[in-house]
N, C-alpha and C. Protein backbone atom coordinates (compact mmCIF):
# COMPACT_ATOMS: atom_id res chain seq x y z
N MET A 1 15.62 35.78 43.03
CA MET A 1 14.87 36.38 41.95
C MET A 1 15.73 36.52 40.69
N ILE A 2 16.99 36.92 40.86
CA ILE A 2 17.89 37.06 39.72
C ILE A 2 18.11 35.70 39.06
N ASP A 3 18.21 34.63 39.88
CA ASP A 3 18.36 33.27 39.35
C ASP A 3 17.19 32.92 38.43
N ALA A 4 15.98 33.15 38.91
CA ALA A 4 14.79 32.80 38.13
C ALA A 4 14.72 33.60 36.84
N LEU A 5 15.04 34.87 36.91
CA LEU A 5 15.03 35.73 35.72
C LEU A 5 16.05 35.24 34.69
N THR A 6 17.24 34.92 35.15
CA THR A 6 18.29 34.45 34.24
C THR A 6 17.90 33.12 33.60
N ARG A 7 17.39 32.19 34.42
CA ARG A 7 16.95 30.90 33.88
C ARG A 7 15.86 31.09 32.83
N ASN A 8 14.92 31.97 33.10
CA ASN A 8 13.83 32.22 32.16
C ASN A 8 14.35 32.80 30.85
N LEU A 9 15.26 33.75 30.92
CA LEU A 9 15.81 34.34 29.70
C LEU A 9 16.59 33.32 28.88
N VAL A 10 17.39 32.51 29.55
CA VAL A 10 18.15 31.48 28.84
C VAL A 10 17.20 30.44 28.25
N SER A 11 16.21 30.03 29.01
CA SER A 11 15.23 29.06 28.53
C SER A 11 14.52 29.59 27.28
N ASN A 12 14.11 30.84 27.31
CA ASN A 12 13.44 31.43 26.14
C ASN A 12 14.38 31.54 24.95
N ALA A 13 15.64 31.86 25.21
CA ALA A 13 16.61 31.93 24.11
C ALA A 13 16.74 30.57 23.44
N ILE A 14 16.75 29.50 24.24
CA ILE A 14 16.83 28.14 23.69
C ILE A 14 15.55 27.80 22.93
N LYS A 15 14.41 28.06 23.55
CA LYS A 15 13.12 27.71 22.95
C LYS A 15 12.92 28.36 21.59
N PHE A 16 13.28 29.62 21.48
CA PHE A 16 12.90 30.37 20.30
C PHE A 16 14.04 30.56 19.30
N SER A 17 15.11 29.81 19.47
CA SER A 17 16.20 29.80 18.48
C SER A 17 16.09 28.53 17.65
N ASN A 18 16.34 28.66 16.38
CA ASN A 18 16.30 27.49 15.50
C ASN A 18 17.51 26.61 15.74
N THR A 19 17.43 25.37 15.28
CA THR A 19 18.57 24.46 15.36
C THR A 19 19.77 25.12 14.70
N GLY A 20 20.90 25.11 15.37
CA GLY A 20 22.10 25.75 14.84
C GLY A 20 22.18 27.23 15.16
N GLY A 21 21.18 27.77 15.86
CA GLY A 21 21.18 29.18 16.23
C GLY A 21 22.24 29.47 17.28
N LYS A 22 22.47 30.74 17.51
CA LYS A 22 23.50 31.16 18.46
C LYS A 22 22.86 31.82 19.68
N ILE A 23 23.41 31.49 20.85
CA ILE A 23 23.03 32.13 22.11
C ILE A 23 24.31 32.59 22.77
N HIS A 24 24.35 33.87 23.14
CA HIS A 24 25.55 34.43 23.75
C HIS A 24 25.18 34.98 25.12
N ILE A 25 25.92 34.56 26.14
CA ILE A 25 25.71 35.02 27.52
C ILE A 25 27.01 35.64 28.01
N SER A 26 26.92 36.87 28.50
CA SER A 26 28.12 37.51 29.03
C SER A 26 27.77 38.32 30.28
N ALA A 27 28.78 38.55 31.09
CA ALA A 27 28.60 39.37 32.29
C ALA A 27 29.85 40.23 32.45
N THR A 28 29.63 41.50 32.76
CA THR A 28 30.75 42.41 32.98
C THR A 28 30.52 43.19 34.27
N HIS A 29 31.59 43.43 34.97
CA HIS A 29 31.52 44.21 36.20
C HIS A 29 31.55 45.68 35.82
N GLU A 30 30.51 46.39 36.19
CA GLU A 30 30.40 47.81 35.86
C GLU A 30 30.80 48.67 37.07
N LYS A 31 30.91 49.95 36.83
CA LYS A 31 31.19 50.87 37.93
C LYS A 31 30.04 50.81 38.93
N ASN A 32 30.27 51.31 40.09
CA ASN A 32 29.27 51.34 41.17
C ASN A 32 28.85 49.95 41.63
N LYS A 33 29.72 48.96 41.45
CA LYS A 33 29.50 47.60 41.96
C LYS A 33 28.33 46.87 41.30
N PHE A 34 27.95 47.26 40.10
CA PHE A 34 26.89 46.57 39.37
C PHE A 34 27.50 45.55 38.41
N VAL A 35 26.73 44.52 38.12
CA VAL A 35 27.12 43.54 37.11
C VAL A 35 26.08 43.62 36.00
N GLU A 36 26.56 43.77 34.78
CA GLU A 36 25.65 43.80 33.63
C GLU A 36 25.68 42.42 32.98
N VAL A 37 24.51 41.79 32.87
CA VAL A 37 24.39 40.48 32.25
C VAL A 37 23.64 40.66 30.94
N LYS A 38 24.21 40.11 29.86
CA LYS A 38 23.57 40.18 28.54
C LYS A 38 23.32 38.77 28.04
N ILE A 39 22.10 38.55 27.56
CA ILE A 39 21.75 37.28 26.94
C ILE A 39 21.15 37.63 25.59
N THR A 40 21.83 37.25 24.53
CA THR A 40 21.35 37.53 23.18
C THR A 40 21.24 36.22 22.42
N ASP A 41 20.36 36.21 21.44
CA ASP A 41 20.19 35.00 20.64
C ASP A 41 19.82 35.37 19.21
N SER A 42 19.88 34.36 18.35
CA SER A 42 19.53 34.55 16.95
C SER A 42 18.12 34.03 16.68
N GLY A 43 17.29 34.08 17.70
CA GLY A 43 15.93 33.54 17.61
C GLY A 43 15.00 34.37 16.73
N ILE A 44 13.72 34.05 16.84
CA ILE A 44 12.72 34.61 15.95
C ILE A 44 12.29 36.03 16.31
N GLY A 45 12.67 36.50 17.47
CA GLY A 45 12.30 37.86 17.88
C GLY A 45 10.88 37.94 18.41
N MET A 46 10.46 39.16 18.70
CA MET A 46 9.14 39.40 19.28
C MET A 46 8.43 40.48 18.50
N THR A 47 7.13 40.32 18.33
CA THR A 47 6.33 41.36 17.70
C THR A 47 6.19 42.53 18.68
N LYS A 48 5.78 43.67 18.16
CA LYS A 48 5.55 44.84 19.03
C LYS A 48 4.48 44.52 20.08
N GLU A 49 3.46 43.75 19.69
CA GLU A 49 2.39 43.39 20.62
C GLU A 49 2.94 42.57 21.79
N LEU A 50 3.76 41.58 21.50
CA LEU A 50 4.36 40.77 22.58
C LEU A 50 5.27 41.61 23.46
N GLN A 51 6.03 42.51 22.86
CA GLN A 51 6.92 43.37 23.63
C GLN A 51 6.11 44.24 24.60
N SER A 52 4.96 44.71 24.16
CA SER A 52 4.15 45.58 25.02
C SER A 52 3.56 44.83 26.22
N LYS A 53 3.43 43.52 26.12
CA LYS A 53 2.88 42.70 27.21
C LYS A 53 3.95 42.12 28.12
N MET A 54 5.19 42.27 27.75
CA MET A 54 6.27 41.57 28.43
C MET A 54 6.33 41.82 29.93
N PHE A 55 6.08 43.01 30.40
CA PHE A 55 6.22 43.32 31.83
C PHE A 55 4.88 43.49 32.53
N LEU A 56 3.80 43.06 31.91
CA LEU A 56 2.49 43.13 32.53
C LEU A 56 2.22 41.82 33.26
N MET A 57 2.06 41.88 34.57
CA MET A 57 1.91 40.68 35.39
C MET A 57 0.64 39.91 35.04
N LYS A 58 -0.43 40.60 34.60
CA LYS A 58 -1.70 39.92 34.33
C LYS A 58 -1.74 39.31 32.94
N GLU A 59 -0.81 39.64 32.09
CA GLU A 59 -0.80 39.14 30.72
C GLU A 59 0.13 37.94 30.59
N LYS A 60 -0.26 37.00 29.78
CA LYS A 60 0.62 35.88 29.45
C LYS A 60 0.78 35.89 27.94
N ALA A 61 1.96 36.22 27.50
CA ALA A 61 2.23 36.24 26.07
C ALA A 61 2.55 34.82 25.63
N SER A 62 1.97 34.43 24.52
CA SER A 62 2.24 33.08 24.03
C SER A 62 2.46 33.11 22.52
N ARG A 63 3.04 32.05 22.02
CA ARG A 63 3.32 31.90 20.59
C ARG A 63 2.71 30.59 20.13
N PRO A 64 1.38 30.51 19.95
CA PRO A 64 0.74 29.24 19.61
C PRO A 64 1.29 28.60 18.34
N GLU A 65 1.77 29.41 17.42
CA GLU A 65 2.30 28.87 16.17
C GLU A 65 3.57 28.05 16.38
N LEU A 66 4.18 28.17 17.56
CA LEU A 66 5.44 27.46 17.83
C LEU A 66 5.28 26.24 18.72
N GLN A 67 4.13 26.03 19.29
CA GLN A 67 3.96 25.00 20.31
C GLN A 67 4.19 23.58 19.81
N GLU A 68 3.91 23.30 18.54
CA GLU A 68 4.04 21.94 18.03
C GLU A 68 5.45 21.41 18.12
N ASN A 69 6.43 22.20 17.74
CA ASN A 69 7.81 21.74 17.71
C ASN A 69 8.61 22.10 18.95
N LEU A 70 8.00 22.80 19.86
CA LEU A 70 8.71 23.33 21.01
C LEU A 70 9.36 22.24 21.86
N ALA A 71 8.63 21.19 22.20
CA ALA A 71 9.17 20.16 23.10
C ALA A 71 10.37 19.46 22.50
N GLN A 72 10.29 19.05 21.26
CA GLN A 72 11.42 18.33 20.68
C GLN A 72 12.62 19.24 20.48
N ASP A 73 12.40 20.50 20.07
CA ASP A 73 13.51 21.43 19.90
C ASP A 73 14.19 21.72 21.22
N LEU A 74 13.41 21.91 22.28
CA LEU A 74 13.98 22.22 23.59
C LEU A 74 14.81 21.05 24.11
N ASP A 75 14.32 19.81 23.92
CA ASP A 75 15.07 18.65 24.37
C ASP A 75 16.44 18.58 23.69
N CYS A 76 16.47 18.79 22.38
CA CYS A 76 17.74 18.72 21.64
C CYS A 76 18.68 19.85 22.05
N CYS A 77 18.16 21.05 22.13
CA CYS A 77 19.00 22.21 22.43
C CYS A 77 19.49 22.23 23.86
N SER A 78 18.64 21.86 24.81
CA SER A 78 19.03 22.00 26.23
C SER A 78 20.19 21.08 26.57
N VAL A 79 20.24 19.91 25.98
CA VAL A 79 21.34 19.00 26.27
C VAL A 79 22.66 19.59 25.77
N LYS A 80 22.66 20.21 24.60
CA LYS A 80 23.87 20.77 24.03
C LYS A 80 24.27 22.08 24.70
N SER A 81 23.29 22.90 25.07
CA SER A 81 23.58 24.27 25.47
C SER A 81 23.81 24.46 26.96
N CYS A 82 23.37 23.56 27.78
CA CYS A 82 23.42 23.80 29.22
C CYS A 82 24.60 23.13 29.90
N ARG A 83 25.57 22.72 29.17
CA ARG A 83 26.74 22.08 29.80
C ARG A 83 27.83 23.07 30.05
C-alpha cells in the first residue's frame, strides 16, 4: 500500500509540474521507528474544492483543463525524473 501511495504522489508531482519544475523527495528516520517521507513539487497546486475531495473514496478529482498536454508532458518528464 505504501508503494502505491508513493508512486501515485510522485506521478502526480510529475504530471502537474511544468517543464523545468522541481520535485523533491526525502525520507528521514523519526523517533518511535517511523519514517517521514516528503514529496514536494513546484506544480500548479490544488484548489480548495479538489483538496476537500482528496480523501473521499467515492469522488474522483480531475483537472480537465490539463488533459490535452498531460500525455506529452508526462512522457518527457518521466524519462528524466525516474532514473
